[in-house]
Amino acid sequence: MVPITSLWLPILLSAVLVFVVSSVIHMVLAYHRTDFKKLPNEERLLEAVRKENVSPGDYIFPCPPSHKEMSSPEMREKYKRGPVGMVTLLPSGPPVMGKQLAQWFVYCVALGVVVAYLTGRILAPGSAYLSVFRFAGTAAFLGHAGAQPVASIWMGRAWSTTLKNVADGLVYALVTAGTFGWLWPR
C-alpha cells in the first residue's frame, strides 16, 4: 500500500501534462472543430431568445408540465411537429476561458487524487511499471471517458462527438498512467 501523500508529484505532474495535451488537442488538432454546427438564421433565433429574457440554464423542448402529461395527445403532437431538443444557455458575454480552464485543471488534479488513492491501495512501493500503468490507466480512463456515452444516450449528442471525447479520454488516461508508472515510489 502506498500512502496518497507519497504520490503528490505524479498527481500534480499528470494534471499538468493532461492539461497541456488537452490544450494541444483542442487548439492545434482540427478534429473537434466539427463537434458543433451553426444554426441557420442564427440571428433570428438569438433575437427570439433575447426577447424572452431566458436565464442561463438547461432547457428541454417541448417540455411537458409533468411526467404524466408526457404522453398526452397535445404533447405527442408537439413532439411530432418538432423541433425536439435540449439546449444549455450560458450567461451573456464573451466566453470566460480562464474560469473553465481553471476548473478543468482542478478536475485533472482531483482525478489524479482518485487515481492515486485507488492505485495506492492496490499496489505496493516498487511495483512494476506495467502494473502501475495498468491500474492507474484504467482508473484515469473511467474518470476521463467513462461517462461520455451518457450524453449521446440521453441528450442526443452526436455519437461521433462522444467517440472523439472518449478517444481524448484514452489519451489523457495514457498520459496519467505513464506519469504514475514513471514516478511510482520504488
N, C-alpha and C. Protein backbone atom coordinates (compact mmCIF):
# COMPACT_ATOMS: atom_id res chain seq x y z
N MET A 1 0.84 -1.18 0.00
CA MET A 1 0.00 0.00 0.00
C MET A 1 0.89 1.25 0.00
N VAL A 2 0.50 2.23 -0.82
CA VAL A 2 1.27 3.47 -0.91
C VAL A 2 0.39 4.62 -0.40
N PRO A 3 0.86 5.37 0.58
CA PRO A 3 0.05 6.50 1.06
C PRO A 3 -0.10 7.57 -0.01
N ILE A 4 -1.26 8.16 -0.05
CA ILE A 4 -1.56 9.17 -1.07
C ILE A 4 -0.60 10.36 -1.00
N THR A 5 -0.10 10.66 0.19
CA THR A 5 0.85 11.77 0.34
C THR A 5 2.17 11.50 -0.38
N SER A 6 2.49 10.23 -0.60
CA SER A 6 3.71 9.89 -1.34
C SER A 6 3.53 10.07 -2.85
N LEU A 7 2.30 10.33 -3.26
CA LEU A 7 2.01 10.40 -4.70
C LEU A 7 1.66 11.81 -5.16
N TRP A 8 2.04 12.82 -4.39
CA TRP A 8 1.70 14.19 -4.77
C TRP A 8 2.34 14.59 -6.10
N LEU A 9 3.57 14.13 -6.37
CA LEU A 9 4.24 14.51 -7.61
C LEU A 9 3.54 13.92 -8.84
N PRO A 10 3.24 12.60 -8.88
CA PRO A 10 2.51 12.12 -10.06
C PRO A 10 1.10 12.72 -10.18
N ILE A 11 0.46 13.03 -9.06
CA ILE A 11 -0.86 13.67 -9.12
C ILE A 11 -0.75 15.01 -9.84
N LEU A 12 0.15 15.87 -9.37
CA LEU A 12 0.28 17.21 -9.95
C LEU A 12 0.86 17.19 -11.36
N LEU A 13 1.90 16.38 -11.57
CA LEU A 13 2.53 16.35 -12.89
C LEU A 13 1.58 15.76 -13.93
N SER A 14 0.83 14.72 -13.58
CA SER A 14 -0.13 14.16 -14.55
C SER A 14 -1.21 15.19 -14.87
N ALA A 15 -1.64 15.98 -13.89
CA ALA A 15 -2.64 17.03 -14.15
C ALA A 15 -2.08 18.07 -15.12
N VAL A 16 -0.85 18.48 -14.90
CA VAL A 16 -0.22 19.46 -15.79
C VAL A 16 -0.08 18.88 -17.20
N LEU A 17 0.40 17.65 -17.30
CA LEU A 17 0.59 17.04 -18.62
C LEU A 17 -0.74 16.83 -19.36
N VAL A 18 -1.77 16.39 -18.65
CA VAL A 18 -3.09 16.22 -19.27
C VAL A 18 -3.62 17.58 -19.73
N PHE A 19 -3.42 18.61 -18.91
CA PHE A 19 -3.84 19.97 -19.27
C PHE A 19 -3.16 20.41 -20.57
N VAL A 20 -1.86 20.18 -20.68
CA VAL A 20 -1.10 20.57 -21.87
C VAL A 20 -1.57 19.75 -23.08
N VAL A 21 -1.69 18.44 -22.91
CA VAL A 21 -2.12 17.58 -24.02
C VAL A 21 -3.52 17.97 -24.48
N SER A 22 -4.42 18.26 -23.55
CA SER A 22 -5.78 18.64 -23.94
C SER A 22 -5.77 19.98 -24.67
N SER A 23 -4.88 20.87 -24.30
CA SER A 23 -4.76 22.15 -24.99
C SER A 23 -4.30 21.93 -26.43
N VAL A 24 -3.34 21.05 -26.61
CA VAL A 24 -2.87 20.74 -27.97
C VAL A 24 -4.00 20.11 -28.78
N ILE A 25 -4.71 19.17 -28.18
CA ILE A 25 -5.80 18.50 -28.88
C ILE A 25 -6.84 19.51 -29.36
N HIS A 26 -7.21 20.45 -28.50
CA HIS A 26 -8.30 21.37 -28.84
C HIS A 26 -7.86 22.60 -29.62
N MET A 27 -6.59 23.00 -29.50
CA MET A 27 -6.16 24.21 -30.21
C MET A 27 -5.37 23.93 -31.48
N VAL A 28 -4.71 22.79 -31.55
CA VAL A 28 -3.86 22.50 -32.70
C VAL A 28 -4.51 21.49 -33.65
N LEU A 29 -4.97 20.39 -33.09
CA LEU A 29 -5.60 19.37 -33.93
C LEU A 29 -7.00 19.82 -34.32
N ALA A 30 -7.43 19.46 -35.51
CA ALA A 30 -8.68 20.02 -36.04
C ALA A 30 -9.90 19.12 -35.84
N TYR A 31 -9.77 17.96 -35.25
CA TYR A 31 -10.89 17.03 -35.29
C TYR A 31 -12.07 17.40 -34.39
N HIS A 32 -11.94 18.35 -33.47
CA HIS A 32 -13.09 18.77 -32.65
C HIS A 32 -13.84 19.95 -33.28
N ARG A 33 -13.34 20.49 -34.36
CA ARG A 33 -14.00 21.67 -34.97
C ARG A 33 -15.36 21.35 -35.55
N THR A 34 -15.66 20.08 -35.75
CA THR A 34 -16.97 19.70 -36.31
C THR A 34 -17.94 19.24 -35.23
N ASP A 35 -17.61 19.42 -33.96
CA ASP A 35 -18.49 18.95 -32.88
C ASP A 35 -19.79 19.74 -32.81
N PHE A 36 -19.76 21.01 -33.16
CA PHE A 36 -20.95 21.87 -33.10
C PHE A 36 -21.21 22.48 -34.47
N LYS A 37 -22.49 22.66 -34.76
CA LYS A 37 -22.90 23.25 -36.04
C LYS A 37 -23.51 24.63 -35.78
N LYS A 38 -23.46 25.48 -36.79
CA LYS A 38 -24.10 26.79 -36.72
C LYS A 38 -25.55 26.64 -37.16
N LEU A 39 -26.43 27.27 -36.39
CA LEU A 39 -27.85 27.25 -36.74
C LEU A 39 -28.12 28.13 -37.96
N PRO A 40 -29.00 27.68 -38.85
CA PRO A 40 -29.41 28.58 -39.93
C PRO A 40 -30.24 29.71 -39.31
N ASN A 41 -30.15 30.90 -39.86
CA ASN A 41 -30.87 32.06 -39.33
C ASN A 41 -30.58 32.26 -37.85
N GLU A 42 -29.32 32.13 -37.50
CA GLU A 42 -28.90 32.23 -36.11
C GLU A 42 -29.37 33.52 -35.45
N GLU A 43 -29.21 34.64 -36.13
CA GLU A 43 -29.55 35.94 -35.53
C GLU A 43 -31.03 36.02 -35.18
N ARG A 44 -31.88 35.46 -36.01
CA ARG A 44 -33.33 35.48 -35.75
C ARG A 44 -33.65 34.66 -34.48
N LEU A 45 -33.02 33.52 -34.35
CA LEU A 45 -33.23 32.69 -33.16
C LEU A 45 -32.68 33.39 -31.91
N LEU A 46 -31.50 33.97 -32.01
CA LEU A 46 -30.92 34.68 -30.87
C LEU A 46 -31.80 35.84 -30.43
N GLU A 47 -32.35 36.56 -31.39
CA GLU A 47 -33.24 37.67 -31.07
C GLU A 47 -34.49 37.18 -30.34
N ALA A 48 -35.04 36.05 -30.77
CA ALA A 48 -36.23 35.49 -30.11
C ALA A 48 -35.91 35.09 -28.67
N VAL A 49 -34.74 34.50 -28.45
CA VAL A 49 -34.34 34.10 -27.09
C VAL A 49 -34.11 35.35 -26.23
N ARG A 50 -33.44 36.36 -26.81
CA ARG A 50 -33.22 37.62 -26.08
C ARG A 50 -34.55 38.25 -25.67
N LYS A 51 -35.48 38.27 -26.60
CA LYS A 51 -36.79 38.88 -26.38
C LYS A 51 -37.53 38.21 -25.22
N GLU A 52 -37.34 36.91 -25.06
CA GLU A 52 -37.99 36.16 -23.97
C GLU A 52 -37.24 36.29 -22.65
N ASN A 53 -36.02 36.89 -22.69
CA ASN A 53 -35.21 37.08 -21.49
C ASN A 53 -35.02 35.76 -20.73
N VAL A 54 -34.61 34.73 -21.46
CA VAL A 54 -34.41 33.40 -20.86
C VAL A 54 -33.12 33.42 -20.06
N SER A 55 -33.18 32.96 -18.83
CA SER A 55 -32.00 32.96 -17.97
C SER A 55 -31.12 31.76 -18.30
N PRO A 56 -29.82 31.84 -17.95
CA PRO A 56 -28.93 30.70 -18.19
C PRO A 56 -29.45 29.44 -17.50
N GLY A 57 -29.25 28.31 -18.16
CA GLY A 57 -29.67 27.02 -17.61
C GLY A 57 -29.85 25.99 -18.69
N ASP A 58 -30.33 24.82 -18.30
CA ASP A 58 -30.58 23.72 -19.23
C ASP A 58 -32.08 23.66 -19.50
N TYR A 59 -32.42 23.53 -20.78
CA TYR A 59 -33.83 23.51 -21.19
C TYR A 59 -34.08 22.34 -22.13
N ILE A 60 -35.30 21.84 -22.08
CA ILE A 60 -35.75 20.79 -23.00
C ILE A 60 -37.02 21.31 -23.68
N PHE A 61 -37.16 20.99 -24.95
CA PHE A 61 -38.36 21.44 -25.66
C PHE A 61 -38.81 20.38 -26.64
N PRO A 62 -40.12 20.22 -26.78
CA PRO A 62 -41.14 20.78 -25.90
C PRO A 62 -41.02 20.17 -24.52
N CYS A 63 -41.45 20.93 -23.52
CA CYS A 63 -41.30 20.49 -22.12
C CYS A 63 -42.69 20.20 -21.54
N PRO A 64 -42.97 18.94 -21.23
CA PRO A 64 -44.28 18.62 -20.65
C PRO A 64 -44.39 19.19 -19.24
N PRO A 65 -45.59 19.62 -18.84
CA PRO A 65 -45.77 20.16 -17.49
C PRO A 65 -45.52 19.13 -16.39
N SER A 66 -45.73 17.85 -16.69
CA SER A 66 -45.49 16.78 -15.71
C SER A 66 -45.17 15.50 -16.47
N HIS A 67 -44.63 14.53 -15.74
CA HIS A 67 -44.31 13.24 -16.36
C HIS A 67 -45.58 12.57 -16.90
N LYS A 68 -46.65 12.73 -16.16
CA LYS A 68 -47.92 12.11 -16.55
C LYS A 68 -48.42 12.67 -17.89
N GLU A 69 -48.23 13.96 -18.11
CA GLU A 69 -48.72 14.60 -19.33
C GLU A 69 -47.79 14.40 -20.53
N MET A 70 -46.67 13.72 -20.32
CA MET A 70 -45.71 13.50 -21.38
C MET A 70 -46.31 12.75 -22.57
N SER A 71 -47.24 11.85 -22.29
CA SER A 71 -47.84 11.06 -23.37
C SER A 71 -49.24 11.54 -23.75
N SER A 72 -49.61 12.75 -23.33
CA SER A 72 -50.92 13.28 -23.70
C SER A 72 -50.97 13.54 -25.20
N PRO A 73 -52.16 13.56 -25.78
CA PRO A 73 -52.26 13.84 -27.22
C PRO A 73 -51.63 15.18 -27.60
N GLU A 74 -51.76 16.19 -26.73
CA GLU A 74 -51.18 17.51 -27.03
C GLU A 74 -49.65 17.43 -27.11
N MET A 75 -49.05 16.74 -26.14
CA MET A 75 -47.59 16.62 -26.14
C MET A 75 -47.11 15.76 -27.30
N ARG A 76 -47.82 14.68 -27.58
CA ARG A 76 -47.42 13.85 -28.73
C ARG A 76 -47.43 14.67 -30.01
N GLU A 77 -48.42 15.55 -30.16
CA GLU A 77 -48.50 16.40 -31.35
C GLU A 77 -47.33 17.39 -31.38
N LYS A 78 -47.00 17.96 -30.22
CA LYS A 78 -45.84 18.87 -30.18
C LYS A 78 -44.55 18.14 -30.56
N TYR A 79 -44.38 16.92 -30.04
CA TYR A 79 -43.18 16.14 -30.39
C TYR A 79 -43.17 15.83 -31.89
N LYS A 80 -44.32 15.49 -32.41
CA LYS A 80 -44.43 15.13 -33.83
C LYS A 80 -44.10 16.34 -34.72
N ARG A 81 -44.61 17.52 -34.34
CA ARG A 81 -44.38 18.74 -35.13
C ARG A 81 -42.92 19.19 -35.04
N GLY A 82 -42.32 18.99 -33.86
CA GLY A 82 -40.93 19.38 -33.67
C GLY A 82 -40.78 20.89 -33.65
N PRO A 83 -39.57 21.37 -33.46
CA PRO A 83 -38.37 20.60 -33.16
C PRO A 83 -38.39 20.07 -31.73
N VAL A 84 -37.57 19.06 -31.51
CA VAL A 84 -37.40 18.44 -30.19
C VAL A 84 -35.92 18.59 -29.85
N GLY A 85 -35.63 19.05 -28.66
CA GLY A 85 -34.22 19.21 -28.34
C GLY A 85 -33.94 19.61 -26.92
N MET A 86 -32.67 19.81 -26.67
CA MET A 86 -32.16 20.30 -25.40
C MET A 86 -31.17 21.40 -25.71
N VAL A 87 -31.14 22.39 -24.84
CA VAL A 87 -30.20 23.49 -25.05
C VAL A 87 -29.70 23.95 -23.69
N THR A 88 -28.44 24.33 -23.65
CA THR A 88 -27.85 24.94 -22.47
C THR A 88 -27.54 26.38 -22.81
N LEU A 89 -28.09 27.30 -22.04
CA LEU A 89 -27.80 28.72 -22.23
C LEU A 89 -26.81 29.16 -21.16
N LEU A 90 -25.76 29.84 -21.59
CA LEU A 90 -24.73 30.35 -20.70
C LEU A 90 -24.99 31.83 -20.44
N PRO A 91 -24.37 32.41 -19.42
CA PRO A 91 -24.53 33.85 -19.20
C PRO A 91 -24.05 34.64 -20.42
N SER A 92 -24.68 35.76 -20.68
CA SER A 92 -24.27 36.61 -21.80
C SER A 92 -22.88 37.16 -21.57
N GLY A 93 -22.19 37.43 -22.64
CA GLY A 93 -20.84 37.97 -22.58
C GLY A 93 -19.87 37.03 -23.26
N PRO A 94 -18.65 37.52 -23.47
CA PRO A 94 -17.64 36.68 -24.12
C PRO A 94 -17.34 35.45 -23.26
N PRO A 95 -16.95 34.35 -23.90
CA PRO A 95 -16.60 33.15 -23.12
C PRO A 95 -15.49 33.47 -22.12
N VAL A 96 -15.61 32.92 -20.92
CA VAL A 96 -14.62 33.14 -19.87
C VAL A 96 -13.75 31.89 -19.79
N MET A 97 -12.79 31.80 -20.69
CA MET A 97 -11.96 30.61 -20.78
C MET A 97 -11.10 30.41 -19.54
N GLY A 98 -10.69 31.48 -18.89
CA GLY A 98 -9.85 31.34 -17.71
C GLY A 98 -10.53 30.52 -16.63
N LYS A 99 -11.79 30.81 -16.38
CA LYS A 99 -12.54 30.07 -15.36
C LYS A 99 -12.70 28.61 -15.76
N GLN A 100 -13.03 28.36 -17.03
CA GLN A 100 -13.21 26.98 -17.49
C GLN A 100 -11.90 26.21 -17.47
N LEU A 101 -10.81 26.86 -17.86
CA LEU A 101 -9.51 26.19 -17.82
C LEU A 101 -9.10 25.88 -16.39
N ALA A 102 -9.37 26.80 -15.47
CA ALA A 102 -9.06 26.55 -14.05
C ALA A 102 -9.88 25.37 -13.53
N GLN A 103 -11.15 25.31 -13.88
CA GLN A 103 -11.99 24.19 -13.45
C GLN A 103 -11.49 22.88 -14.04
N TRP A 104 -11.06 22.89 -15.30
CA TRP A 104 -10.52 21.70 -15.95
C TRP A 104 -9.26 21.23 -15.21
N PHE A 105 -8.37 22.17 -14.85
CA PHE A 105 -7.16 21.79 -14.14
C PHE A 105 -7.49 21.20 -12.77
N VAL A 106 -8.41 21.82 -12.06
CA VAL A 106 -8.82 21.30 -10.75
C VAL A 106 -9.41 19.90 -10.91
N TYR A 107 -10.20 19.69 -11.97
CA TYR A 107 -10.74 18.35 -12.22
C TYR A 107 -9.60 17.35 -12.45
N CYS A 108 -8.60 17.74 -13.24
CA CYS A 108 -7.47 16.85 -13.52
C CYS A 108 -6.72 16.51 -12.23
N VAL A 109 -6.54 17.48 -11.35
CA VAL A 109 -5.88 17.21 -10.06
C VAL A 109 -6.75 16.28 -9.23
N ALA A 110 -8.06 16.57 -9.15
CA ALA A 110 -8.97 15.72 -8.35
C ALA A 110 -8.98 14.29 -8.88
N LEU A 111 -8.99 14.14 -10.19
CA LEU A 111 -8.95 12.80 -10.77
C LEU A 111 -7.62 12.12 -10.45
N GLY A 112 -6.54 12.90 -10.46
CA GLY A 112 -5.23 12.35 -10.07
C GLY A 112 -5.24 11.85 -8.64
N VAL A 113 -5.94 12.55 -7.77
CA VAL A 113 -6.04 12.11 -6.37
C VAL A 113 -6.78 10.78 -6.30
N VAL A 114 -7.87 10.66 -7.05
CA VAL A 114 -8.63 9.40 -7.07
C VAL A 114 -7.78 8.27 -7.64
N VAL A 115 -7.07 8.54 -8.73
CA VAL A 115 -6.18 7.53 -9.32
C VAL A 115 -5.11 7.12 -8.31
N ALA A 116 -4.53 8.10 -7.61
CA ALA A 116 -3.50 7.81 -6.61
C ALA A 116 -4.08 6.96 -5.48
N TYR A 117 -5.27 7.32 -5.03
CA TYR A 117 -5.89 6.57 -3.94
C TYR A 117 -6.13 5.12 -4.35
N LEU A 118 -6.77 4.92 -5.50
CA LEU A 118 -7.09 3.55 -5.93
C LEU A 118 -5.84 2.73 -6.21
N THR A 119 -4.92 3.31 -6.95
CA THR A 119 -3.70 2.58 -7.30
C THR A 119 -2.84 2.33 -6.07
N GLY A 120 -2.80 3.31 -5.17
CA GLY A 120 -2.02 3.17 -3.94
C GLY A 120 -2.58 2.12 -3.00
N ARG A 121 -3.86 1.82 -3.08
CA ARG A 121 -4.47 0.80 -2.23
C ARG A 121 -4.23 -0.60 -2.80
N ILE A 122 -3.99 -0.68 -4.09
CA ILE A 122 -3.84 -1.97 -4.76
C ILE A 122 -2.38 -2.40 -4.85
N LEU A 123 -1.50 -1.44 -5.10
CA LEU A 123 -0.09 -1.77 -5.37
C LEU A 123 0.83 -1.28 -4.26
N ALA A 124 1.94 -1.94 -4.12
CA ALA A 124 2.94 -1.60 -3.10
C ALA A 124 4.04 -0.75 -3.73
N PRO A 125 4.83 -0.09 -2.89
CA PRO A 125 6.02 0.59 -3.43
C PRO A 125 6.89 -0.43 -4.16
N GLY A 126 7.50 0.03 -5.24
CA GLY A 126 8.37 -0.86 -6.00
C GLY A 126 7.63 -1.75 -6.99
N SER A 127 6.32 -1.56 -7.14
CA SER A 127 5.57 -2.36 -8.11
C SER A 127 6.08 -2.08 -9.52
N ALA A 128 5.93 -3.05 -10.38
CA ALA A 128 6.40 -2.93 -11.76
C ALA A 128 5.67 -1.80 -12.49
N TYR A 129 6.41 -1.13 -13.37
CA TYR A 129 5.86 -0.02 -14.15
C TYR A 129 4.55 -0.43 -14.82
N LEU A 130 4.52 -1.58 -15.47
CA LEU A 130 3.33 -2.00 -16.21
C LEU A 130 2.12 -2.23 -15.30
N SER A 131 2.33 -2.72 -14.10
CA SER A 131 1.22 -2.89 -13.15
C SER A 131 0.65 -1.54 -12.75
N VAL A 132 1.53 -0.60 -12.44
CA VAL A 132 1.08 0.75 -12.07
C VAL A 132 0.36 1.38 -13.26
N PHE A 133 0.96 1.25 -14.44
CA PHE A 133 0.37 1.81 -15.66
C PHE A 133 -1.04 1.26 -15.87
N ARG A 134 -1.20 -0.03 -15.72
CA ARG A 134 -2.49 -0.69 -15.96
C ARG A 134 -3.56 -0.20 -14.98
N PHE A 135 -3.26 -0.19 -13.69
CA PHE A 135 -4.26 0.23 -12.69
C PHE A 135 -4.55 1.73 -12.80
N ALA A 136 -3.50 2.54 -12.87
CA ALA A 136 -3.69 3.99 -12.95
C ALA A 136 -4.41 4.36 -14.25
N GLY A 137 -4.04 3.70 -15.33
CA GLY A 137 -4.67 4.00 -16.62
C GLY A 137 -6.15 3.64 -16.65
N THR A 138 -6.50 2.52 -16.05
CA THR A 138 -7.91 2.11 -16.00
C THR A 138 -8.73 3.11 -15.20
N ALA A 139 -8.22 3.50 -14.04
CA ALA A 139 -8.95 4.47 -13.21
C ALA A 139 -9.06 5.82 -13.92
N ALA A 140 -7.98 6.27 -14.55
CA ALA A 140 -8.00 7.56 -15.26
C ALA A 140 -8.93 7.51 -16.46
N PHE A 141 -8.96 6.38 -17.17
CA PHE A 141 -9.86 6.25 -18.32
C PHE A 141 -11.31 6.35 -17.87
N LEU A 142 -11.64 5.70 -16.78
CA LEU A 142 -13.02 5.79 -16.27
C LEU A 142 -13.37 7.22 -15.91
N GLY A 143 -12.42 7.95 -15.33
CA GLY A 143 -12.68 9.34 -14.95
C GLY A 143 -12.76 10.29 -16.12
N HIS A 144 -11.96 10.06 -17.15
CA HIS A 144 -11.94 10.97 -18.30
C HIS A 144 -12.95 10.59 -19.38
N ALA A 145 -13.27 9.31 -19.50
CA ALA A 145 -14.09 8.89 -20.64
C ALA A 145 -15.31 8.07 -20.27
N GLY A 146 -15.34 7.52 -19.06
CA GLY A 146 -16.37 6.56 -18.70
C GLY A 146 -17.81 7.04 -18.87
N ALA A 147 -18.07 8.30 -18.56
CA ALA A 147 -19.45 8.79 -18.61
C ALA A 147 -19.78 9.51 -19.92
N GLN A 148 -18.84 9.59 -20.84
CA GLN A 148 -19.10 10.30 -22.10
C GLN A 148 -20.30 9.76 -22.88
N PRO A 149 -20.50 8.44 -22.98
CA PRO A 149 -21.65 7.95 -23.74
C PRO A 149 -23.01 8.41 -23.21
N VAL A 150 -23.08 8.80 -21.95
CA VAL A 150 -24.35 9.26 -21.38
C VAL A 150 -24.91 10.43 -22.19
N ALA A 151 -24.05 11.33 -22.66
CA ALA A 151 -24.51 12.48 -23.43
C ALA A 151 -25.16 12.07 -24.74
N SER A 152 -24.69 11.01 -25.36
CA SER A 152 -25.30 10.52 -26.59
C SER A 152 -26.56 9.71 -26.31
N ILE A 153 -26.53 8.93 -25.24
CA ILE A 153 -27.67 8.08 -24.92
C ILE A 153 -28.88 8.92 -24.50
N TRP A 154 -28.68 9.88 -23.62
CA TRP A 154 -29.81 10.61 -23.03
C TRP A 154 -30.01 12.02 -23.56
N MET A 155 -28.98 12.63 -24.13
CA MET A 155 -29.11 14.03 -24.52
C MET A 155 -28.97 14.27 -26.01
N GLY A 156 -28.84 13.21 -26.77
CA GLY A 156 -28.82 13.36 -28.22
C GLY A 156 -27.53 13.85 -28.82
N ARG A 157 -26.45 13.91 -28.05
CA ARG A 157 -25.17 14.34 -28.63
C ARG A 157 -24.78 13.37 -29.74
N ALA A 158 -24.22 13.88 -30.78
CA ALA A 158 -23.77 13.03 -31.89
C ALA A 158 -22.77 12.00 -31.38
N TRP A 159 -22.94 10.74 -31.80
CA TRP A 159 -22.01 9.69 -31.37
C TRP A 159 -20.60 9.98 -31.84
N SER A 160 -20.46 10.66 -32.97
CA SER A 160 -19.11 10.99 -33.45
C SER A 160 -18.40 11.90 -32.45
N THR A 161 -19.12 12.85 -31.85
CA THR A 161 -18.53 13.72 -30.85
C THR A 161 -18.17 12.94 -29.60
N THR A 162 -19.07 12.06 -29.17
CA THR A 162 -18.80 11.24 -27.99
C THR A 162 -17.59 10.35 -28.22
N LEU A 163 -17.48 9.75 -29.39
CA LEU A 163 -16.32 8.88 -29.67
C LEU A 163 -15.02 9.67 -29.67
N LYS A 164 -15.05 10.91 -30.17
CA LYS A 164 -13.86 11.75 -30.11
C LYS A 164 -13.50 12.08 -28.66
N ASN A 165 -14.52 12.36 -27.84
CA ASN A 165 -14.26 12.65 -26.42
C ASN A 165 -13.72 11.42 -25.69
N VAL A 166 -14.21 10.24 -26.04
CA VAL A 166 -13.69 9.00 -25.44
C VAL A 166 -12.24 8.79 -25.88
N ALA A 167 -11.94 9.06 -27.15
CA ALA A 167 -10.56 8.94 -27.62
C ALA A 167 -9.65 9.92 -26.89
N ASP A 168 -10.13 11.15 -26.68
CA ASP A 168 -9.35 12.11 -25.89
C ASP A 168 -9.12 11.56 -24.49
N GLY A 169 -10.17 10.99 -23.89
CA GLY A 169 -10.07 10.43 -22.55
C GLY A 169 -9.05 9.31 -22.48
N LEU A 170 -8.96 8.52 -23.55
CA LEU A 170 -7.95 7.46 -23.60
C LEU A 170 -6.55 8.07 -23.61
N VAL A 171 -6.35 9.11 -24.39
CA VAL A 171 -5.04 9.78 -24.43
C VAL A 171 -4.70 10.33 -23.04
N TYR A 172 -5.67 11.00 -22.39
CA TYR A 172 -5.43 11.55 -21.06
C TYR A 172 -5.11 10.43 -20.06
N ALA A 173 -5.79 9.31 -20.19
CA ALA A 173 -5.54 8.17 -19.30
C ALA A 173 -4.14 7.61 -19.52
N LEU A 174 -3.71 7.53 -20.76
CA LEU A 174 -2.36 7.03 -21.05
C LEU A 174 -1.29 7.96 -20.48
N VAL A 175 -1.52 9.26 -20.61
CA VAL A 175 -0.58 10.24 -20.04
C VAL A 175 -0.52 10.08 -18.52
N THR A 176 -1.69 9.96 -17.89
CA THR A 176 -1.75 9.79 -16.44
C THR A 176 -1.07 8.49 -16.02
N ALA A 177 -1.38 7.41 -16.73
CA ALA A 177 -0.80 6.10 -16.41
C ALA A 177 0.72 6.13 -16.54
N GLY A 178 1.21 6.74 -17.61
CA GLY A 178 2.64 6.83 -17.80
C GLY A 178 3.33 7.63 -16.71
N THR A 179 2.68 8.73 -16.31
CA THR A 179 3.25 9.57 -15.25
C THR A 179 3.31 8.81 -13.92
N PHE A 180 2.22 8.12 -13.58
CA PHE A 180 2.20 7.35 -12.33
C PHE A 180 3.21 6.20 -12.38
N GLY A 181 3.30 5.51 -13.52
CA GLY A 181 4.26 4.42 -13.64
C GLY A 181 5.69 4.90 -13.50
N TRP A 182 5.99 6.05 -14.10
CA TRP A 182 7.32 6.63 -14.08
C TRP A 182 7.72 7.10 -12.67
N LEU A 183 6.76 7.73 -11.95
CA LEU A 183 7.07 8.32 -10.65
C LEU A 183 6.62 7.49 -9.45
N TRP A 184 6.26 6.25 -9.70
CA TRP A 184 5.80 5.38 -8.61
C TRP A 184 6.94 5.17 -7.61
N PRO A 185 6.64 5.28 -6.32
CA PRO A 185 7.70 5.08 -5.30
C PRO A 185 8.38 3.71 -5.43
N ARG A 186 9.68 3.72 -5.35
CA ARG A 186 10.45 2.47 -5.51
C ARG A 186 10.71 1.86 -4.20
